Amino acid sequence: MSIDRINDGLSNWKIRWNRVFTTTNGDGEPVSYRWHFLAAIVAYQIFVRIRKRRKAK
């Protein structure tokens, strides 16, 4: 995770959201995987809820 002003104390931390889950490839261009990660979390939550409903029946 990318945090600005990390050495100024916890109250002054500012998360740089455009850099979260972002990597750079060989060309130096940033590639963001943030939406892939969020989609995976949502898909997992849907899977868990469906499984619980089926188990309850």
Protein backbone atom coordinates (compact mmCIF):
# COMPACT_ATOMS: atom_id res chain seq x y z
CA MET A 1 0.00 0.00 0.00
CA SER A 2 1.25 3.47 -0.71
CA ILE A 3 1.09 5.93 2.17
CA ASP A 4 2.16 9.56 1.95
CA ARG A 5 3.87 11.16 4.99
CA ILE A 6 4.39 7.82 6.75
CA ASN A 7 7.02 9.27 9.08
CA ASP A 8 4.81 12.14 10.34
CA GLY A 9 2.73 9.97 12.68
CA LEU A 10 -0.47 7.98 12.29
CA SER A 11 -2.83 10.96 12.25
CA ASN A 12 -1.13 12.48 9.19
CA TRP A 13 -1.21 9.36 6.98
CA LYS A 14 -2.79 9.90 3.58
CA ILE A 15 -3.34 6.82 1.45
CA ARG A 16 -2.61 7.35 -2.24
CA TRP A 17 -5.58 5.35 -3.58
CA ASN A 18 -4.42 5.58 -7.19
CA ARG A 19 -1.36 3.51 -6.22
CA VAL A 20 -3.13 0.78 -4.23
CA PHE A 21 -2.80 -2.60 -6.04
CA THR A 22 -0.85 -0.92 -8.85
CA THR A 23 2.27 -2.45 -10.35
CA THR A 24 4.61 -1.33 -13.08
CA ASN A 25 5.44 -3.59 -15.97
CA GLY A 26 8.61 -3.62 -18.05
CA ASP A 27 7.55 -0.49 -19.97
CA GLY A 28 7.28 1.54 -16.78
CA GLU A 29 3.54 2.03 -17.23
CA PRO A 30 1.47 1.51 -14.09
CA VAL A 31 -1.05 -1.33 -14.22
CA SER A 32 -3.84 -1.28 -11.65
CA TYR A 33 -5.31 -4.52 -10.29
CA ARG A 34 -7.59 -2.74 -7.83
CA TRP A 35 -10.82 -3.52 -9.72
CA HIS A 36 -9.78 -7.15 -10.25
CA PHE A 37 -9.16 -7.49 -6.53
CA LEU A 38 -12.49 -5.88 -5.63
CA ALA A 39 -14.33 -8.09 -8.15
CA ALA A 40 -12.71 -11.17 -6.61
CA ILE A 41 -13.86 -10.11 -3.12
CA VAL A 42 -17.43 -9.51 -4.34
CA ALA A 43 -17.48 -12.87 -6.17
CA TYR A 44 -16.23 -14.66 -3.07
CA GLN A 45 -18.87 -13.01 -0.88
CA ILE A 46 -21.61 -14.04 -3.32
CA PHE A 47 -20.25 -17.60 -3.36
CA VAL A 48 -20.25 -17.77 0.45
CA ARG A 49 -23.83 -16.47 0.71
CA ILE A 50 -25.12 -18.93 -1.90
CA ARG A 51 -23.34 -21.80 -0.16
CA LYS A 52 -24.86 -20.83 3.20
CA ARG A 53 -28.35 -20.68 1.70
CA ARG A 54 -27.97 -24.11 0.12
CA LYS A 55 -26.60 -25.57 3.32
CA ALA A 56 -29.52 -24.16 5.36
CA LYS A 57 -32.06 -25.91 3.10
